[in-house]
Amino acid sequence: MDPARQAAYWRSTLRTIGVILAVWLAVSCLAAIVFADALDAVHVGGFPLGFWFGQQGAELIFVLLVAAYVAVTNALDRRHGVYED
């Protein structure tokens, strides 16, 4: 792979990681900790939403983020010609 294509691939990979980490930070820290009291006004399944984010929501979002990262990274690998079967 030539250096220009390698740099483009690396920029795309870093942008993907940045977006995934930003969503993870927003869900795990902001929703579960910072805004927990405000979210407690809403109830999901009988539990306050802030509690739900802290207990199950952050974990569920984390698993979904891992799946999204795999899908996006595979698409980037195919687009840049570095996909391994």
PDB file of N, CA and C in Angstrom:
ATOM      1  N   MET A   1       0.862  -1.170   0.000  1.00  0.00           N
ATOM      2  CA  MET A   1       0.000   0.000   0.000  1.00  0.00           C
ATOM      3  C   MET A   1       0.907   1.232   0.000  1.00  0.00           C
ATOM      4  N   ASP A   2       0.583   2.174  -0.875  1.00  0.00           N
ATOM      5  CA  ASP A   2       1.408   3.377  -0.942  1.00  0.00           C
ATOM      6  C   ASP A   2       1.129   4.282   0.259  1.00  0.00           C
ATOM      7  N   PRO A   3       2.037   5.182   0.581  1.00  0.00           N
ATOM      8  CA  PRO A   3       1.894   6.019   1.788  1.00  0.00           C
ATOM      9  C   PRO A   3       0.635   6.888   1.808  1.00  0.00           C
ATOM     10  N   ALA A   4       0.172   7.370   0.658  1.00  0.00           N
ATOM     11  CA  ALA A   4      -1.034   8.210   0.632  1.00  0.00           C
ATOM     12  C   ALA A   4      -2.270   7.386   0.999  1.00  0.00           C
ATOM     13  N   ARG A   5      -2.375   6.177   0.448  1.00  0.00           N
ATOM     14  CA  ARG A   5      -3.515   5.313   0.780  1.00  0.00           C
ATOM     15  C   ARG A   5      -3.442   4.853   2.231  1.00  0.00           C
ATOM     16  N   GLN A   6      -2.233   4.604   2.715  1.00  0.00           N
ATOM     17  CA  GLN A   6      -2.062   4.194   4.108  1.00  0.00           C
ATOM     18  C   GLN A   6      -2.468   5.320   5.053  1.00  0.00           C
ATOM     19  N   ALA A   7      -2.117   6.555   4.712  1.00  0.00           N
ATOM     20  CA  ALA A   7      -2.505   7.700   5.540  1.00  0.00           C
ATOM     21  C   ALA A   7      -4.018   7.898   5.530  1.00  0.00           C
ATOM     22  N   ALA A   8      -4.654   7.717   4.374  1.00  0.00           N
ATOM     23  CA  ALA A   8      -6.115   7.853   4.289  1.00  0.00           C
ATOM     24  C   ALA A   8      -6.808   6.767   5.110  1.00  0.00           C
ATOM     25  N   TYR A   9      -6.277   5.552   5.033  1.00  0.00           N
ATOM     26  CA  TYR A   9      -6.830   4.454   5.821  1.00  0.00           C
ATOM     27  C   TYR A   9      -6.695   4.749   7.318  1.00  0.00           C
ATOM     28  N   TRP A  10      -5.531   5.228   7.731  1.00  0.00           N
ATOM     29  CA  TRP A  10      -5.300   5.521   9.138  1.00  0.00           C
ATOM     30  C   TRP A  10      -6.204   6.651   9.629  1.00  0.00           C
ATOM     31  N   ARG A  11      -6.399   7.704   8.811  1.00  0.00           N
ATOM     32  CA  ARG A  11      -7.310   8.797   9.186  1.00  0.00           C
ATOM     33  C   ARG A  11      -8.732   8.282   9.370  1.00  0.00           C
ATOM     34  N   SER A  12      -9.171   7.415   8.457  1.00  0.00           N
ATOM     35  CA  SER A  12     -10.519   6.852   8.565  1.00  0.00           C
ATOM     36  C   SER A  12     -10.659   5.998   9.821  1.00  0.00           C
ATOM     37  N   THR A  13      -9.634   5.231  10.121  1.00  0.00           N
ATOM     38  CA  THR A  13      -9.661   4.385  11.311  1.00  0.00           C
ATOM     39  C   THR A  13      -9.692   5.238  12.577  1.00  0.00           C
ATOM     40  N   LEU A  14      -8.876   6.270  12.640  1.00  0.00           N
ATOM     41  CA  LEU A  14      -8.866   7.140  13.819  1.00  0.00           C
ATOM     42  C   LEU A  14     -10.181   7.893  13.986  1.00  0.00           C
ATOM     43  N   ARG A  15     -10.785   8.313  12.889  1.00  0.00           N
ATOM     44  CA  ARG A  15     -12.084   8.997  12.961  1.00  0.00           C
ATOM     45  C   ARG A  15     -13.145   8.046  13.513  1.00  0.00           C
ATOM     46  N   THR A  16     -13.132   6.800  13.069  1.00  0.00           N
ATOM     47  CA  THR A  16     -14.079   5.797  13.566  1.00  0.00           C
ATOM     48  C   THR A  16     -13.890   5.562  15.056  1.00  0.00           C
ATOM     49  N   ILE A  17     -12.648   5.405  15.481  1.00  0.00           N
ATOM     50  CA  ILE A  17     -12.356   5.198  16.904  1.00  0.00           C
ATOM     51  C   ILE A  17     -12.800   6.401  17.717  1.00  0.00           C
ATOM     52  N   GLY A  18     -12.567   7.610  17.215  1.00  0.00           N
ATOM     53  CA  GLY A  18     -12.980   8.820  17.923  1.00  0.00           C
ATOM     54  C   GLY A  18     -14.485   8.901  18.120  1.00  0.00           C
ATOM     55  N   VAL A  19     -15.232   8.566  17.084  1.00  0.00           N
ATOM     56  CA  VAL A  19     -16.700   8.598  17.183  1.00  0.00           C
ATOM     57  C   VAL A  19     -17.191   7.546  18.173  1.00  0.00           C
ATOM     58  N   ILE A  20     -16.647   6.342  18.085  1.00  0.00           N
ATOM     59  CA  ILE A  20     -17.052   5.266  18.999  1.00  0.00           C
ATOM     60  C   ILE A  20     -16.744   5.660  20.443  1.00  0.00           C
ATOM     61  N   LEU A  21     -15.558   6.211  20.693  1.00  0.00           N
ATOM     62  CA  LEU A  21     -15.200   6.615  22.054  1.00  0.00           C
ATOM     63  C   LEU A  21     -16.059   7.772  22.557  1.00  0.00           C
ATOM     64  N   ALA A  22     -16.428   8.691  21.662  1.00  0.00           N
ATOM     65  CA  ALA A  22     -17.284   9.811  22.067  1.00  0.00           C
ATOM     66  C   ALA A  22     -18.670   9.311  22.484  1.00  0.00           C
ATOM     67  N   VAL A  23     -19.222   8.369  21.733  1.00  0.00           N
ATOM     68  CA  VAL A  23     -20.526   7.804  22.097  1.00  0.00           C
ATOM     69  C   VAL A  23     -20.412   7.048  23.416  1.00  0.00           C
ATOM     70  N   TRP A  24     -19.346   6.269  23.566  1.00  0.00           N
ATOM     71  CA  TRP A  24     -19.132   5.521  24.815  1.00  0.00           C
ATOM     72  C   TRP A  24     -19.022   6.467  26.004  1.00  0.00           C
ATOM     73  N   LEU A  25     -18.269   7.553  25.852  1.00  0.00           N
ATOM     74  CA  LEU A  25     -18.131   8.531  26.929  1.00  0.00           C
ATOM     75  C   LEU A  25     -19.472   9.166  27.271  1.00  0.00           C
ATOM     76  N   ALA A  26     -20.225   9.536  26.242  1.00  0.00           N
ATOM     77  CA  ALA A  26     -21.520  10.175  26.475  1.00  0.00           C
ATOM     78  C   ALA A  26     -22.465   9.244  27.228  1.00  0.00           C
ATOM     79  N   VAL A  27     -22.480   7.981  26.856  1.00  0.00           N
ATOM     80  CA  VAL A  27     -23.410   7.042  27.495  1.00  0.00           C
ATOM     81  C   VAL A  27     -22.933   6.663  28.888  1.00  0.00           C
ATOM     82  N   SER A  28     -21.663   6.283  29.007  1.00  0.00           N
ATOM     83  CA  SER A  28     -21.197   5.751  30.288  1.00  0.00           C
ATOM     84  C   SER A  28     -20.977   6.834  31.331  1.00  0.00           C
ATOM     85  N   CYS A  29     -20.473   7.976  30.945  1.00  0.00           N
ATOM     86  CA  CYS A  29     -20.188   9.021  31.938  1.00  0.00           C
ATOM     87  C   CYS A  29     -21.311  10.042  32.046  1.00  0.00           C
ATOM     88  N   LEU A  30     -21.712  10.596  30.923  1.00  0.00           N
ATOM     89  CA  LEU A  30     -22.712  11.659  30.983  1.00  0.00           C
ATOM     90  C   LEU A  30     -24.083  11.134  31.389  1.00  0.00           C
ATOM     91  N   ALA A  31     -24.570  10.122  30.682  1.00  0.00           N
ATOM     92  CA  ALA A  31     -25.919   9.636  30.975  1.00  0.00           C
ATOM     93  C   ALA A  31     -25.987   8.903  32.304  1.00  0.00           C
ATOM     94  N   ALA A  32     -24.976   8.085  32.602  1.00  0.00           N
ATOM     95  CA  ALA A  32     -25.038   7.250  33.798  1.00  0.00           C
ATOM     96  C   ALA A  32     -24.601   7.981  35.065  1.00  0.00           C
ATOM     97  N   ILE A  33     -23.809   9.035  34.941  1.00  0.00           N
ATOM     98  CA  ILE A  33     -23.292   9.708  36.134  1.00  0.00           C
ATOM     99  C   ILE A  33     -23.758  11.155  36.224  1.00  0.00           C
ATOM    100  N   VAL A  34     -23.419  11.951  35.216  1.00  0.00           N
ATOM    101  CA  VAL A  34     -23.672  13.395  35.277  1.00  0.00           C
ATOM    102  C   VAL A  34     -25.165  13.713  35.242  1.00  0.00           C
ATOM    103  N   PHE A  35     -25.884  13.088  34.311  1.00  0.00           N
ATOM    104  CA  PHE A  35     -27.306  13.396  34.146  1.00  0.00           C
ATOM    105  C   PHE A  35     -28.217  12.357  34.784  1.00  0.00           C
ATOM    106  N   ALA A  36     -27.695  11.536  35.674  1.00  0.00           N
ATOM    107  CA  ALA A  36     -28.500  10.468  36.284  1.00  0.00           C
ATOM    108  C   ALA A  36     -29.696  11.018  37.046  1.00  0.00           C
ATOM    109  N   ASP A  37     -29.495  12.078  37.797  1.00  0.00           N
ATOM    110  CA  ASP A  37     -30.616  12.633  38.567  1.00  0.00           C
ATOM    111  C   ASP A  37     -31.707  13.176  37.666  1.00  0.00           C
ATOM    112  N   ALA A  38     -31.334  13.831  36.574  1.00  0.00           N
ATOM    113  CA  ALA A  38     -32.327  14.352  35.638  1.00  0.00           C
ATOM    114  C   ALA A  38     -33.045  13.212  34.913  1.00  0.00           C
ATOM    115  N   LEU A  39     -32.315  12.152  34.590  1.00  0.00           N
ATOM    116  CA  LEU A  39     -32.925  11.017  33.900  1.00  0.00           C
ATOM    117  C   LEU A  39     -33.823  10.193  34.809  1.00  0.00           C
ATOM    118  N   ASP A  40     -33.649  10.312  36.124  1.00  0.00           N
ATOM    119  CA  ASP A  40     -34.471   9.546  37.062  1.00  0.00           C
ATOM    120  C   ASP A  40     -35.940   9.960  37.040  1.00  0.00           C
ATOM    121  N   ALA A  41     -36.254  11.090  36.422  1.00  0.00           N
ATOM    122  CA  ALA A  41     -37.649  11.513  36.309  1.00  0.00           C
ATOM    123  C   ALA A  41     -38.426  10.597  35.361  1.00  0.00           C
ATOM    124  N   VAL A  42     -37.724   9.918  34.460  1.00  0.00           N
ATOM    125  CA  VAL A  42     -38.347   8.999  33.510  1.00  0.00           C
ATOM    126  C   VAL A  42     -38.132   7.581  34.019  1.00  0.00           C
ATOM    127  N   HIS A  43     -39.171   6.752  33.927  1.00  0.00           N
ATOM    128  CA  HIS A  43     -39.071   5.368  34.391  1.00  0.00           C
ATOM    129  C   HIS A  43     -39.193   4.409  33.214  1.00  0.00           C
ATOM    130  N   VAL A  44     -38.348   3.381  33.216  1.00  0.00           N
ATOM    131  CA  VAL A  44     -38.370   2.337  32.187  1.00  0.00           C
ATOM    132  C   VAL A  44     -38.510   1.012  32.911  1.00  0.00           C
ATOM    133  N   GLY A  45     -39.580   0.318  32.667  1.00  0.00           N
ATOM    134  CA  GLY A  45     -39.806  -0.973  33.316  1.00  0.00           C
ATOM    135  C   GLY A  45     -39.889  -0.866  34.824  1.00  0.00           C
ATOM    136  N   GLY A  46     -40.350   0.257  35.324  1.00  0.00           N
ATOM    137  CA  GLY A  46     -40.482   0.442  36.761  1.00  0.00           C
ATOM    138  C   GLY A  46     -39.232   0.979  37.447  1.00  0.00           C
ATOM    139  N   PHE A  47     -38.147   1.138  36.702  1.00  0.00           N
ATOM    140  CA  PHE A  47     -36.906   1.646  37.273  1.00  0.00           C
ATOM    141  C   PHE A  47     -36.604   3.024  36.705  1.00  0.00           C
ATOM    142  N   PRO A  48     -35.966   3.894  37.491  1.00  0.00           N
ATOM    143  CA  PRO A  48     -35.575   5.208  36.969  1.00  0.00           C
ATOM    144  C   PRO A  48     -34.579   5.053  35.811  1.00  0.00           C
ATOM    145  N   LEU A  49     -34.687   5.923  34.815  1.00  0.00           N
ATOM    146  CA  LEU A  49     -33.844   5.833  33.625  1.00  0.00           C
ATOM    147  C   LEU A  49     -32.367   6.013  33.965  1.00  0.00           C
ATOM    148  N   GLY A  50     -32.036   6.867  34.913  1.00  0.00           N
ATOM    149  CA  GLY A  50     -30.646   7.040  35.327  1.00  0.00           C
ATOM    150  C   GLY A  50     -30.060   5.757  35.889  1.00  0.00           C
ATOM    151  N   PHE A  51     -30.819   5.059  36.699  1.00  0.00           N
ATOM    152  CA  PHE A  51     -30.395   3.760  37.241  1.00  0.00           C
ATOM    153  C   PHE A  51     -30.244   2.746  36.120  1.00  0.00           C
ATOM    154  N   TRP A  52     -31.192   2.752  35.176  1.00  0.00           N
ATOM    155  CA  TRP A  52     -31.148   1.815  34.065  1.00  0.00           C
ATOM    156  C   TRP A  52     -29.883   2.016  33.237  1.00  0.00           C
ATOM    157  N   PHE A  53     -29.532   3.284  32.938  1.00  0.00           N
ATOM    158  CA  PHE A  53     -28.307   3.549  32.184  1.00  0.00           C
ATOM    159  C   PHE A  53     -27.089   3.066  32.950  1.00  0.00           C
ATOM    160  N   GLY A  54     -27.072   3.284  34.247  1.00  0.00           N
ATOM    161  CA  GLY A  54     -25.926   2.878  35.051  1.00  0.00           C
ATOM    162  C   GLY A  54     -25.775   1.377  35.162  1.00  0.00           C
ATOM    163  N   GLN A  55     -26.871   0.647  35.151  1.00  0.00           N
ATOM    164  CA  GLN A  55     -26.811  -0.798  35.355  1.00  0.00           C
ATOM    165  C   GLN A  55     -26.801  -1.596  34.052  1.00  0.00           C
ATOM    166  N   GLN A  56     -27.787  -1.378  33.200  1.00  0.00           N
ATOM    167  CA  GLN A  56     -27.879  -2.176  31.982  1.00  0.00           C
ATOM    168  C   GLN A  56     -27.614  -1.378  30.714  1.00  0.00           C
ATOM    169  N   GLY A  57     -28.006  -0.142  30.692  1.00  0.00           N
ATOM    170  CA  GLY A  57     -27.923   0.651  29.466  1.00  0.00           C
ATOM    171  C   GLY A  57     -26.514   0.844  28.964  1.00  0.00           C
ATOM    172  N   ALA A  58     -25.595   1.183  29.856  1.00  0.00           N
ATOM    173  CA  ALA A  58     -24.214   1.399  29.437  1.00  0.00           C
ATOM    174  C   ALA A  58     -23.594   0.116  28.903  1.00  0.00           C
ATOM    175  N   GLU A  59     -23.892  -1.008  29.519  1.00  0.00           N
ATOM    176  CA  GLU A  59     -23.358  -2.285  29.039  1.00  0.00           C
ATOM    177  C   GLU A  59     -23.944  -2.658  27.681  1.00  0.00           C
ATOM    178  N   LEU A  60     -25.236  -2.450  27.513  1.00  0.00           N
ATOM    179  CA  LEU A  60     -25.875  -2.753  26.239  1.00  0.00           C
ATOM    180  C   LEU A  60     -25.308  -1.864  25.133  1.00  0.00           C
ATOM    181  N   ILE A  61     -25.158  -0.588  25.412  1.00  0.00           N
ATOM    182  CA  ILE A  61     -24.590   0.330  24.426  1.00  0.00           C
ATOM    183  C   ILE A  61     -23.156  -0.073  24.100  1.00  0.00           C
ATOM    184  N   PHE A  62     -22.377  -0.503  25.103  1.00  0.00           N
ATOM    185  CA  PHE A  62     -21.011  -0.929  24.862  1.00  0.00           C
ATOM    186  C   PHE A  62     -20.962  -2.118  23.902  1.00  0.00           C
ATOM    187  N   VAL A  63     -21.829  -3.091  24.085  1.00  0.00           N
ATOM    188  CA  VAL A  63     -21.864  -4.252  23.185  1.00  0.00           C
ATOM    189  C   VAL A  63     -22.257  -3.814  21.780  1.00  0.00           C
ATOM    190  N   LEU A  64     -23.227  -2.913  21.663  1.00  0.00           N
ATOM    191  CA  LEU A  64     -23.625  -2.406  20.350  1.00  0.00           C
ATOM    192  C   LEU A  64     -22.498  -1.614  19.694  1.00  0.00           C
ATOM    193  N   LEU A  65     -21.729  -0.873  20.488  1.00  0.00           N
ATOM    194  CA  LEU A  65     -20.597  -0.128  19.943  1.00  0.00           C
ATOM    195  C   LEU A  65     -19.502  -1.062  19.428  1.00  0.00           C
ATOM    196  N   VAL A  66     -19.278  -2.166  20.115  1.00  0.00           N
ATOM    197  CA  VAL A  66     -18.290  -3.145  19.646  1.00  0.00           C
ATOM    198  C   VAL A  66     -18.738  -3.722  18.296  1.00  0.00           C
ATOM    199  N   ALA A  67     -20.005  -4.069  18.185  1.00  0.00           N
ATOM    200  CA  ALA A  67     -20.528  -4.594  16.922  1.00  0.00           C
ATOM    201  C   ALA A  67     -20.437  -3.552  15.810  1.00  0.00           C
ATOM    202  N   ALA A  68     -20.750  -2.300  16.121  1.00  0.00           N
ATOM    203  CA  ALA A  68     -20.646  -1.229  15.133  1.00  0.00           C
ATOM    204  C   ALA A  68     -19.199  -1.016  14.710  1.00  0.00           C
ATOM    205  N   TYR A  69     -18.274  -1.080  15.656  1.00  0.00           N
ATOM    206  CA  TYR A  69     -16.859  -0.914  15.334  1.00  0.00           C
ATOM    207  C   TYR A  69     -16.384  -2.013  14.392  1.00  0.00           C
ATOM    208  N   VAL A  70     -16.790  -3.239  14.649  1.00  0.00           N
ATOM    209  CA  VAL A  70     -16.389  -4.352  13.782  1.00  0.00           C
ATOM    210  C   VAL A  70     -16.941  -4.144  12.376  1.00  0.00           C
ATOM    211  N   ALA A  71     -18.209  -3.771  12.259  1.00  0.00           N
ATOM    212  CA  ALA A  71     -18.827  -3.582  10.950  1.00  0.00           C
ATOM    213  C   ALA A  71     -18.168  -2.434  10.188  1.00  0.00           C
ATOM    214  N   VAL A  72     -17.946  -1.316  10.854  1.00  0.00           N
ATOM    215  CA  VAL A  72     -17.343  -0.158  10.187  1.00  0.00           C
ATOM    216  C   VAL A  72     -15.895  -0.448   9.810  1.00  0.00           C
ATOM    217  N   THR A  73     -15.148  -1.097  10.688  1.00  0.00           N
ATOM    218  CA  THR A  73     -13.751  -1.415  10.394  1.00  0.00           C
ATOM    219  C   THR A  73     -13.643  -2.393   9.229  1.00  0.00           C
ATOM    220  N   ASN A  74     -14.524  -3.381   9.179  1.00  0.00           N
ATOM    221  CA  ASN A  74     -14.528  -4.300   8.032  1.00  0.00           C
ATOM    222  C   ASN A  74     -14.828  -3.562   6.732  1.00  0.00           C
ATOM    223  N   ALA A  75     -15.766  -2.615   6.767  1.00  0.00           N
ATOM    224  CA  ALA A  75     -16.075  -1.830   5.572  1.00  0.00           C
ATOM    225  C   ALA A  75     -14.880  -0.964   5.165  1.00  0.00           C
ATOM    226  N   LEU A  76     -14.208  -0.364   6.138  1.00  0.00           N
ATOM    227  CA  LEU A  76     -13.011   0.434   5.835  1.00  0.00           C
ATOM    228  C   LEU A  76     -11.913  -0.445   5.251  1.00  0.00           C
ATOM    229  N   ASP A  77     -11.728  -1.630   5.799  1.00  0.00           N
ATOM    230  CA  ASP A  77     -10.711  -2.545   5.281  1.00  0.00           C
ATOM    231  C   ASP A  77     -11.001  -2.911   3.830  1.00  0.00           C
ATOM    232  N   ARG A  78     -12.250  -3.187   3.531  1.00  0.00           N
ATOM    233  CA  ARG A  78     -12.616  -3.529   2.144  1.00  0.00           C
ATOM    234  C   ARG A  78     -12.394  -2.334   1.219  1.00  0.00           C
ATOM    235  N   ARG A  79     -12.795  -1.146   1.669  1.00  0.00           N
ATOM    236  CA  ARG A  79     -12.677   0.058   0.842  1.00  0.00           C
ATOM    237  C   ARG A  79     -11.218   0.372   0.540  1.00  0.00           C
ATOM    238  N   HIS A  80     -10.334   0.113   1.478  1.00  0.00           N
ATOM    239  CA  HIS A  80      -8.918   0.437   1.294  1.00  0.00           C
ATOM    240  C   HIS A  80      -8.083  -0.753   0.837  1.00  0.00           C
ATOM    241  N   GLY A  81      -8.727  -1.888   0.590  1.00  0.00           N
ATOM    242  CA  GLY A  81      -8.043  -3.025   0.035  1.00  0.00           C
ATOM    243  C   GLY A  81      -7.142  -3.790   0.989  1.00  0.00           C
ATOM    244  N   VAL A  82      -7.456  -3.772   2.281  1.00  0.00           N
ATOM    245  CA  VAL A  82      -6.648  -4.494   3.251  1.00  0.00           C
ATOM    246  C   VAL A  82      -7.466  -5.540   4.019  1.00  0.00           C
ATOM    247  N   TYR A  83      -8.617  -5.913   3.468  1.00  0.00           N
ATOM    248  CA  TYR A  83      -9.501  -6.868   4.145  1.00  0.00           C
ATOM    249  C   TYR A  83      -8.915  -8.267   4.070  1.00  0.00           C
ATOM    250  N   GLU A  84      -8.968  -8.978   5.191  1.00  0.00           N
ATOM    251  CA  GLU A  84      -8.503 -10.357   5.244  1.00  0.00           C
ATOM    252  C   GLU A  84      -9.703 -11.277   5.451  1.00  0.00           C
ATOM    253  N   ASP A  85      -9.814 -12.291   4.614  1.00  0.00           N
ATOM    254  CA  ASP A  85     -10.931 -13.238   4.753  1.00  0.00           C
ATOM    255  C   ASP A  85     -10.690 -14.242   5.825  1.00  0.00           C
TER     256      ASP A  85
END
